[in-house]
Amino acid sequence: MTIKFTLRKEELDLNFLEKIKGLISSDQLTISVESHDETEYLTRSAKNYKVLIDRIEYVEKGKELIDISTKEIESILQKTNID
């Protein structure tokens, strides 16, 4: 049997391990850990890499930046019901 879990490192605790133990009927299992690097994922294609590099350059040069106040952010969040 193979079960794959994807979780944040804060979610990995003893409670999670106990739940895994409850799913496994055999006495032995293999745990494999894989870290996800979002930058690596974003730079896999040449097009994505160029967009990412261009956007970094924009920020460094202050190009195409916008100013937004905390009140504006709160208003947007209220309109979209995001907490």
PDB file of N, CA and C in Angstrom:
ATOM      1  N   MET A   1       0.845  -1.173   0.000  1.00  0.00           N
ATOM      2  CA  MET A   1       0.000   0.000   0.000  1.00  0.00           C
ATOM      3  C   MET A   1       0.890   1.235   0.000  1.00  0.00           C
ATOM      4  N   THR A   2       0.487   2.228  -0.774  1.00  0.00           N
ATOM      5  CA  THR A   2       1.200   3.503  -0.808  1.00  0.00           C
ATOM      6  C   THR A   2       0.221   4.620  -0.484  1.00  0.00           C
ATOM      7  N   ILE A   3       0.596   5.458   0.453  1.00  0.00           N
ATOM      8  CA  ILE A   3      -0.189   6.634   0.809  1.00  0.00           C
ATOM      9  C   ILE A   3       0.757   7.824   0.752  1.00  0.00           C
ATOM     10  N   LYS A   4       0.322   8.894   0.113  1.00  0.00           N
ATOM     11  CA  LYS A   4       1.160  10.085   0.011  1.00  0.00           C
ATOM     12  C   LYS A   4       0.459  11.246   0.701  1.00  0.00           C
ATOM     13  N   PHE A   5       1.177  11.928   1.589  1.00  0.00           N
ATOM     14  CA  PHE A   5       0.670  13.101   2.289  1.00  0.00           C
ATOM     15  C   PHE A   5       1.497  14.308   1.873  1.00  0.00           C
ATOM     16  N   THR A   6       0.843  15.425   1.647  1.00  0.00           N
ATOM     17  CA  THR A   6       1.540  16.682   1.413  1.00  0.00           C
ATOM     18  C   THR A   6       1.090  17.638   2.503  1.00  0.00           C
ATOM     19  N   LEU A   7       2.043  18.130   3.277  1.00  0.00           N
ATOM     20  CA  LEU A   7       1.702  19.003   4.390  1.00  0.00           C
ATOM     21  C   LEU A   7       2.814  19.984   4.664  1.00  0.00           C
ATOM     22  N   ARG A   8       2.473  21.015   5.430  1.00  0.00           N
ATOM     23  CA  ARG A   8       3.477  21.991   5.864  1.00  0.00           C
ATOM     24  C   ARG A   8       4.218  21.419   7.067  1.00  0.00           C
ATOM     25  N   LYS A   9       5.449  21.854   7.273  1.00  0.00           N
ATOM     26  CA  LYS A   9       6.252  21.280   8.351  1.00  0.00           C
ATOM     27  C   LYS A   9       5.637  21.515   9.719  1.00  0.00           C
ATOM     28  N   GLU A  10       4.838  22.604   9.881  1.00  0.00           N
ATOM     29  CA  GLU A  10       4.190  22.845  11.174  1.00  0.00           C
ATOM     30  C   GLU A  10       3.133  21.785  11.476  1.00  0.00           C
ATOM     31  N   GLU A  11       2.628  21.128  10.437  1.00  0.00           N
ATOM     32  CA  GLU A  11       1.592  20.113  10.619  1.00  0.00           C
ATOM     33  C   GLU A  11       2.162  18.755  11.015  1.00  0.00           C
ATOM     34  N   LEU A  12       3.455  18.598  10.889  1.00  0.00           N
ATOM     35  CA  LEU A  12       4.087  17.329  11.231  1.00  0.00           C
ATOM     36  C   LEU A  12       4.325  17.282  12.734  1.00  0.00           C
ATOM     37  N   ASP A  13       3.487  16.538  13.417  1.00  0.00           N
ATOM     38  CA  ASP A  13       3.599  16.425  14.867  1.00  0.00           C
ATOM     39  C   ASP A  13       3.261  14.992  15.289  1.00  0.00           C
ATOM     40  N   LEU A  14       3.306  14.733  16.587  1.00  0.00           N
ATOM     41  CA  LEU A  14       3.038  13.385  17.087  1.00  0.00           C
ATOM     42  C   LEU A  14       1.621  12.933  16.765  1.00  0.00           C
ATOM     43  N   ASN A  15       0.668  13.837  16.787  1.00  0.00           N
ATOM     44  CA  ASN A  15      -0.714  13.500  16.458  1.00  0.00           C
ATOM     45  C   ASN A  15      -0.806  12.973  15.023  1.00  0.00           C
ATOM     46  N   PHE A  16      -0.113  13.624  14.099  1.00  0.00           N
ATOM     47  CA  PHE A  16      -0.092  13.183  12.703  1.00  0.00           C
ATOM     48  C   PHE A  16       0.517  11.784  12.592  1.00  0.00           C
ATOM     49  N   LEU A  17       1.624  11.568  13.293  1.00  0.00           N
ATOM     50  CA  LEU A  17       2.267  10.252  13.250  1.00  0.00           C
ATOM     51  C   LEU A  17       1.361   9.166  13.826  1.00  0.00           C
ATOM     52  N   GLU A  18       0.617   9.480  14.867  1.00  0.00           N
ATOM     53  CA  GLU A  18      -0.324   8.514  15.442  1.00  0.00           C
ATOM     54  C   GLU A  18      -1.412   8.162  14.430  1.00  0.00           C
ATOM     55  N   LYS A  19      -1.874   9.152  13.670  1.00  0.00           N
ATOM     56  CA  LYS A  19      -2.884   8.888  12.643  1.00  0.00           C
ATOM     57  C   LYS A  19      -2.328   7.973  11.560  1.00  0.00           C
ATOM     58  N   ILE A  20      -1.064   8.181  11.188  1.00  0.00           N
ATOM     59  CA  ILE A  20      -0.433   7.309  10.193  1.00  0.00           C
ATOM     60  C   ILE A  20      -0.355   5.886  10.733  1.00  0.00           C
ATOM     61  N   LYS A  21       0.049   5.751  11.984  1.00  0.00           N
ATOM     62  CA  LYS A  21       0.133   4.420  12.591  1.00  0.00           C
ATOM     63  C   LYS A  21      -1.217   3.709  12.533  1.00  0.00           C
ATOM     64  N   GLY A  22      -2.303   4.465  12.678  1.00  0.00           N
ATOM     65  CA  GLY A  22      -3.635   3.880  12.613  1.00  0.00           C
ATOM     66  C   GLY A  22      -4.025   3.411  11.218  1.00  0.00           C
ATOM     67  N   LEU A  23      -3.391   3.954  10.199  1.00  0.00           N
ATOM     68  CA  LEU A  23      -3.695   3.579   8.816  1.00  0.00           C
ATOM     69  C   LEU A  23      -2.928   2.347   8.349  1.00  0.00           C
ATOM     70  N   ILE A  24      -1.813   2.059   8.992  1.00  0.00           N
ATOM     71  CA  ILE A  24      -0.909   1.005   8.541  1.00  0.00           C
ATOM     72  C   ILE A  24      -1.165  -0.275   9.327  1.00  0.00           C
ATOM     73  N   SER A  25      -1.347  -1.378   8.601  1.00  0.00           N
ATOM     74  CA  SER A  25      -1.597  -2.645   9.286  1.00  0.00           C
ATOM     75  C   SER A  25      -0.315  -3.435   9.537  1.00  0.00           C
ATOM     76  N   SER A  26       0.727  -3.188   8.768  1.00  0.00           N
ATOM     77  CA  SER A  26       1.980  -3.929   8.960  1.00  0.00           C
ATOM     78  C   SER A  26       2.829  -3.275  10.040  1.00  0.00           C
ATOM     79  N   ASP A  27       3.855  -3.990  10.492  1.00  0.00           N
ATOM     80  CA  ASP A  27       4.732  -3.481  11.543  1.00  0.00           C
ATOM     81  C   ASP A  27       5.842  -2.580  11.012  1.00  0.00           C
ATOM     82  N   GLN A  28       6.061  -2.596   9.710  1.00  0.00           N
ATOM     83  CA  GLN A  28       7.167  -1.831   9.144  1.00  0.00           C
ATOM     84  C   GLN A  28       6.661  -0.931   8.017  1.00  0.00           C
ATOM     85  N   LEU A  29       7.209   0.279   7.955  1.00  0.00           N
ATOM     86  CA  LEU A  29       6.866   1.191   6.875  1.00  0.00           C
ATOM     87  C   LEU A  29       8.083   2.028   6.525  1.00  0.00           C
ATOM     88  N   THR A  30       8.039   2.647   5.367  1.00  0.00           N
ATOM     89  CA  THR A  30       9.115   3.517   4.907  1.00  0.00           C
ATOM     90  C   THR A  30       8.572   4.935   4.819  1.00  0.00           C
ATOM     91  N   ILE A  31       9.306   5.878   5.394  1.00  0.00           N
ATOM     92  CA  ILE A  31       8.920   7.283   5.318  1.00  0.00           C
ATOM     93  C   ILE A  31       9.944   7.999   4.452  1.00  0.00           C
ATOM     94  N   SER A  32       9.457   8.666   3.414  1.00  0.00           N
ATOM     95  CA  SER A  32      10.311   9.422   2.513  1.00  0.00           C
ATOM     96  C   SER A  32       9.935  10.893   2.624  1.00  0.00           C
ATOM     97  N   VAL A  33      10.923  11.775   2.714  1.00  0.00           N
ATOM     98  CA  VAL A  33      10.661  13.204   2.862  1.00  0.00           C
ATOM     99  C   VAL A  33      11.167  13.924   1.617  1.00  0.00           C
ATOM    100  N   GLU A  34      10.314  14.762   1.049  1.00  0.00           N
ATOM    101  CA  GLU A  34      10.666  15.544  -0.133  1.00  0.00           C
ATOM    102  C   GLU A  34      10.306  16.996   0.137  1.00  0.00           C
ATOM    103  N   SER A  35      11.256  17.871  -0.061  1.00  0.00           N
ATOM    104  CA  SER A  35      11.026  19.296   0.159  1.00  0.00           C
ATOM    105  C   SER A  35      10.633  19.948  -1.160  1.00  0.00           C
ATOM    106  N   HIS A  36       9.687  20.866  -1.105  1.00  0.00           N
ATOM    107  CA  HIS A  36       9.245  21.563  -2.307  1.00  0.00           C
ATOM    108  C   HIS A  36       9.798  22.979  -2.304  1.00  0.00           C
ATOM    109  N   ASP A  37      10.581  23.290  -3.306  1.00  0.00           N
ATOM    110  CA  ASP A  37      11.146  24.625  -3.470  1.00  0.00           C
ATOM    111  C   ASP A  37      10.343  25.338  -4.550  1.00  0.00           C
ATOM    112  N   GLU A  38       9.551  26.320  -4.166  1.00  0.00           N
ATOM    113  CA  GLU A  38       8.689  27.010  -5.121  1.00  0.00           C
ATOM    114  C   GLU A  38       9.486  27.714  -6.210  1.00  0.00           C
ATOM    115  N   THR A  39      10.652  28.221  -5.873  1.00  0.00           N
ATOM    116  CA  THR A  39      11.471  28.902  -6.879  1.00  0.00           C
ATOM    117  C   THR A  39      11.911  27.912  -7.951  1.00  0.00           C
ATOM    118  N   GLU A  40      12.303  26.718  -7.525  1.00  0.00           N
ATOM    119  CA  GLU A  40      12.720  25.690  -8.480  1.00  0.00           C
ATOM    120  C   GLU A  40      11.566  25.349  -9.427  1.00  0.00           C
ATOM    121  N   TYR A  41      10.371  25.210  -8.874  1.00  0.00           N
ATOM    122  CA  TYR A  41       9.192  24.912  -9.688  1.00  0.00           C
ATOM    123  C   TYR A  41       8.935  26.032 -10.697  1.00  0.00           C
ATOM    124  N   LEU A  42       9.019  27.275 -10.239  1.00  0.00           N
ATOM    125  CA  LEU A  42       8.725  28.415 -11.104  1.00  0.00           C
ATOM    126  C   LEU A  42       9.744  28.594 -12.224  1.00  0.00           C
ATOM    127  N   THR A  43      10.950  28.104 -12.021  1.00  0.00           N
ATOM    128  CA  THR A  43      12.001  28.313 -13.027  1.00  0.00           C
ATOM    129  C   THR A  43      12.209  27.097 -13.932  1.00  0.00           C
ATOM    130  N   ARG A  44      11.321  26.138 -13.883  1.00  0.00           N
ATOM    131  CA  ARG A  44      11.472  24.951 -14.736  1.00  0.00           C
ATOM    132  C   ARG A  44      11.391  25.285 -16.219  1.00  0.00           C
ATOM    133  N   SER A  45      10.482  26.159 -16.574  1.00  0.00           N
ATOM    134  CA  SER A  45      10.371  26.519 -17.994  1.00  0.00           C
ATOM    135  C   SER A  45      11.101  27.841 -18.232  1.00  0.00           C
ATOM    136  N   ALA A  46      11.625  27.982 -19.431  1.00  0.00           N
ATOM    137  CA  ALA A  46      12.363  29.203 -19.786  1.00  0.00           C
ATOM    138  C   ALA A  46      11.453  30.428 -19.707  1.00  0.00           C
ATOM    139  N   LYS A  47      10.197  30.265 -20.116  1.00  0.00           N
ATOM    140  CA  LYS A  47       9.247  31.388 -20.089  1.00  0.00           C
ATOM    141  C   LYS A  47       8.998  31.848 -18.650  1.00  0.00           C
ATOM    142  N   ASN A  48       8.722  30.909 -17.751  1.00  0.00           N
ATOM    143  CA  ASN A  48       8.496  31.263 -16.346  1.00  0.00           C
ATOM    144  C   ASN A  48       9.738  31.894 -15.726  1.00  0.00           C
ATOM    145  N   TYR A  49      10.903  31.364 -16.069  1.00  0.00           N
ATOM    146  CA  TYR A  49      12.153  31.896 -15.534  1.00  0.00           C
ATOM    147  C   TYR A  49      12.326  33.359 -15.945  1.00  0.00           C
ATOM    148  N   LYS A  50      12.070  33.644 -17.224  1.00  0.00           N
ATOM    149  CA  LYS A  50      12.215  35.017 -17.712  1.00  0.00           C
ATOM    150  C   LYS A  50      11.231  35.955 -17.009  1.00  0.00           C
ATOM    151  N   VAL A  51       9.988  35.525 -16.851  1.00  0.00           N
ATOM    152  CA  VAL A  51       8.988  36.358 -16.172  1.00  0.00           C
ATOM    153  C   VAL A  51       9.427  36.631 -14.739  1.00  0.00           C
ATOM    154  N   LEU A  52       9.897  35.602 -14.044  1.00  0.00           N
ATOM    155  CA  LEU A  52      10.340  35.758 -12.659  1.00  0.00           C
ATOM    156  C   LEU A  52      11.510  36.738 -12.563  1.00  0.00           C
ATOM    157  N   ILE A  53      12.496  36.578 -13.418  1.00  0.00           N
ATOM    158  CA  ILE A  53      13.664  37.468 -13.416  1.00  0.00           C
ATOM    159  C   ILE A  53      13.242  38.897 -13.747  1.00  0.00           C
ATOM    160  N   ASP A  54      12.353  39.054 -14.734  1.00  0.00           N
ATOM    161  CA  ASP A  54      11.859  40.397 -15.088  1.00  0.00           C
ATOM    162  C   ASP A  54      11.158  41.052 -13.905  1.00  0.00           C
ATOM    163  N   ARG A  55      10.327  40.305 -13.201  1.00  0.00           N
ATOM    164  CA  ARG A  55       9.587  40.865 -12.056  1.00  0.00           C
ATOM    165  C   ARG A  55      10.525  41.238 -10.912  1.00  0.00           C
ATOM    166  N   ILE A  56      11.541  40.436 -10.691  1.00  0.00           N
ATOM    167  CA  ILE A  56      12.535  40.767  -9.658  1.00  0.00           C
ATOM    168  C   ILE A  56      13.230  42.071 -10.032  1.00  0.00           C
ATOM    169  N   GLU A  57      13.579  42.197 -11.304  1.00  0.00           N
ATOM    170  CA  GLU A  57      14.234  43.419 -11.790  1.00  0.00           C
ATOM    171  C   GLU A  57      13.310  44.628 -11.633  1.00  0.00           C
ATOM    172  N   TYR A  58      12.023  44.445 -11.915  1.00  0.00           N
ATOM    173  CA  TYR A  58      11.046  45.533 -11.740  1.00  0.00           C
ATOM    174  C   TYR A  58      11.046  46.028 -10.300  1.00  0.00           C
ATOM    175  N   VAL A  59      11.016  45.108  -9.361  1.00  0.00           N
ATOM    176  CA  VAL A  59      10.990  45.483  -7.942  1.00  0.00           C
ATOM    177  C   VAL A  59      12.277  46.203  -7.563  1.00  0.00           C
ATOM    178  N   GLU A  60      13.404  45.660  -8.008  1.00  0.00           N
ATOM    179  CA  GLU A  60      14.691  46.283  -7.685  1.00  0.00           C
ATOM    180  C   GLU A  60      14.790  47.707  -8.232  1.00  0.00           C
ATOM    181  N   LYS A  61      14.176  47.958  -9.394  1.00  0.00           N
ATOM    182  CA  LYS A  61      14.225  49.288 -10.010  1.00  0.00           C
ATOM    183  C   LYS A  61      13.031  50.161  -9.621  1.00  0.00           C
ATOM    184  N   GLY A  62      12.104  49.601  -8.842  1.00  0.00           N
ATOM    185  CA  GLY A  62      10.917  50.357  -8.458  1.00  0.00           C
ATOM    186  C   GLY A  62       9.945  50.555  -9.609  1.00  0.00           C
ATOM    187  N   LYS A  63      10.035  49.703 -10.596  1.00  0.00           N
ATOM    188  CA  LYS A  63       9.233  49.814 -11.813  1.00  0.00           C
ATOM    189  C   LYS A  63       7.884  49.100 -11.630  1.00  0.00           C
ATOM    190  N   GLU A  64       6.802  49.742 -12.077  1.00  0.00           N
ATOM    191  CA  GLU A  64       5.445  49.175 -12.055  1.00  0.00           C
ATOM    192  C   GLU A  64       4.989  48.757 -10.657  1.00  0.00           C
ATOM    193  N   LEU A  65       5.427  49.483  -9.635  1.00  0.00           N
ATOM    194  CA  LEU A  65       4.989  49.202  -8.272  1.00  0.00           C
ATOM    195  C   LEU A  65       3.786  50.071  -7.947  1.00  0.00           C
ATOM    196  N   ILE A  66       2.943  49.593  -7.051  1.00  0.00           N
ATOM    197  CA  ILE A  66       1.798  50.386  -6.612  1.00  0.00           C
ATOM    198  C   ILE A  66       1.848  50.522  -5.096  1.00  0.00           C
ATOM    199  N   ASP A  67       1.295  51.616  -4.599  1.00  0.00           N
ATOM    200  CA  ASP A  67       1.163  51.818  -3.160  1.00  0.00           C
ATOM    201  C   ASP A  67      -0.277  51.515  -2.783  1.00  0.00           C
ATOM    202  N   ILE A  68      -0.456  50.783  -1.699  1.00  0.00           N
ATOM    203  CA  ILE A  68      -1.794  50.462  -1.222  1.00  0.00           C
ATOM    204  C   ILE A  68      -1.783  50.545   0.296  1.00  0.00           C
ATOM    205  N   SER A  69      -2.794  51.174   0.832  1.00  0.00           N
ATOM    206  CA  SER A  69      -2.845  51.360   2.285  1.00  0.00           C
ATOM    207  C   SER A  69      -3.448  50.132   2.968  1.00  0.00           C
ATOM    208  N   THR A  70      -3.229  50.058   4.258  1.00  0.00           N
ATOM    209  CA  THR A  70      -3.799  48.974   5.049  1.00  0.00           C
ATOM    210  C   THR A  70      -5.319  49.001   4.964  1.00  0.00           C
ATOM    211  N   LYS A  71      -5.904  50.195   4.986  1.00  0.00           N
ATOM    212  CA  LYS A  71      -7.365  50.321   4.883  1.00  0.00           C
ATOM    213  C   LYS A  71      -7.872  49.761   3.555  1.00  0.00           C
ATOM    214  N   GLU A  72      -7.136  50.023   2.484  1.00  0.00           N
ATOM    215  CA  GLU A  72      -7.543  49.494   1.178  1.00  0.00           C
ATOM    216  C   GLU A  72      -7.482  47.971   1.157  1.00  0.00           C
ATOM    217  N   ILE A  73      -6.451  47.412   1.765  1.00  0.00           N
ATOM    218  CA  ILE A  73      -6.318  45.956   1.837  1.00  0.00           C
ATOM    219  C   ILE A  73      -7.465  45.369   2.647  1.00  0.00           C
ATOM    220  N   GLU A  74      -7.765  45.973   3.798  1.00  0.00           N
ATOM    221  CA  GLU A  74      -8.864  45.494   4.638  1.00  0.00           C
ATOM    222  C   GLU A  74     -10.188  45.563   3.885  1.00  0.00           C
ATOM    223  N   SER A  75     -10.403  46.624   3.132  1.00  0.00           N
ATOM    224  CA  SER A  75     -11.627  46.775   2.345  1.00  0.00           C
ATOM    225  C   SER A  75     -11.745  45.672   1.295  1.00  0.00           C
ATOM    226  N   ILE A  76     -10.657  45.396   0.618  1.00  0.00           N
ATOM    227  CA  ILE A  76     -10.647  44.338  -0.397  1.00  0.00           C
ATOM    228  C   ILE A  76     -10.938  42.991   0.252  1.00  0.00           C
ATOM    229  N   LEU A  77     -10.309  42.724   1.388  1.00  0.00           N
ATOM    230  CA  LEU A  77     -10.526  41.458   2.083  1.00  0.00           C
ATOM    231  C   LEU A  77     -11.971  41.308   2.533  1.00  0.00           C
ATOM    232  N   GLN A  78     -12.573  42.380   3.013  1.00  0.00           N
ATOM    233  CA  GLN A  78     -13.975  42.331   3.438  1.00  0.00           C
ATOM    234  C   GLN A  78     -14.892  42.050   2.251  1.00  0.00           C
ATOM    235  N   LYS A  79     -14.609  42.661   1.126  1.00  0.00           N
ATOM    236  CA  LYS A  79     -15.436  42.458  -0.068  1.00  0.00           C
ATOM    237  C   LYS A  79     -15.344  41.028  -0.587  1.00  0.00           C
ATOM    238  N   THR A  80     -14.192  40.409  -0.406  1.00  0.00           N
ATOM    239  CA  THR A  80     -14.000  39.043  -0.900  1.00  0.00           C
ATOM    240  C   THR A  80     -14.186  37.999   0.191  1.00  0.00           C
ATOM    241  N   ASN A  81     -14.541  38.441   1.394  1.00  0.00           N
ATOM    242  CA  ASN A  81     -14.764  37.543   2.539  1.00  0.00           C
ATOM    243  C   ASN A  81     -13.549  36.696   2.883  1.00  0.00           C
ATOM    244  N   ILE A  82     -12.372  37.268   2.776  1.00  0.00           N
ATOM    245  CA  ILE A  82     -11.137  36.578   3.136  1.00  0.00           C
ATOM    246  C   ILE A  82     -10.696  37.087   4.493  1.00  0.00           C
ATOM    247  N   ASP A  83     -10.423  36.161   5.401  1.00  0.00           N
ATOM    248  CA  ASP A  83      -9.961  36.540   6.747  1.00  0.00           C
ATOM    249  C   ASP A  83      -8.470  36.437   6.858  1.00  0.00           C
TER     250      ASP A  83
END
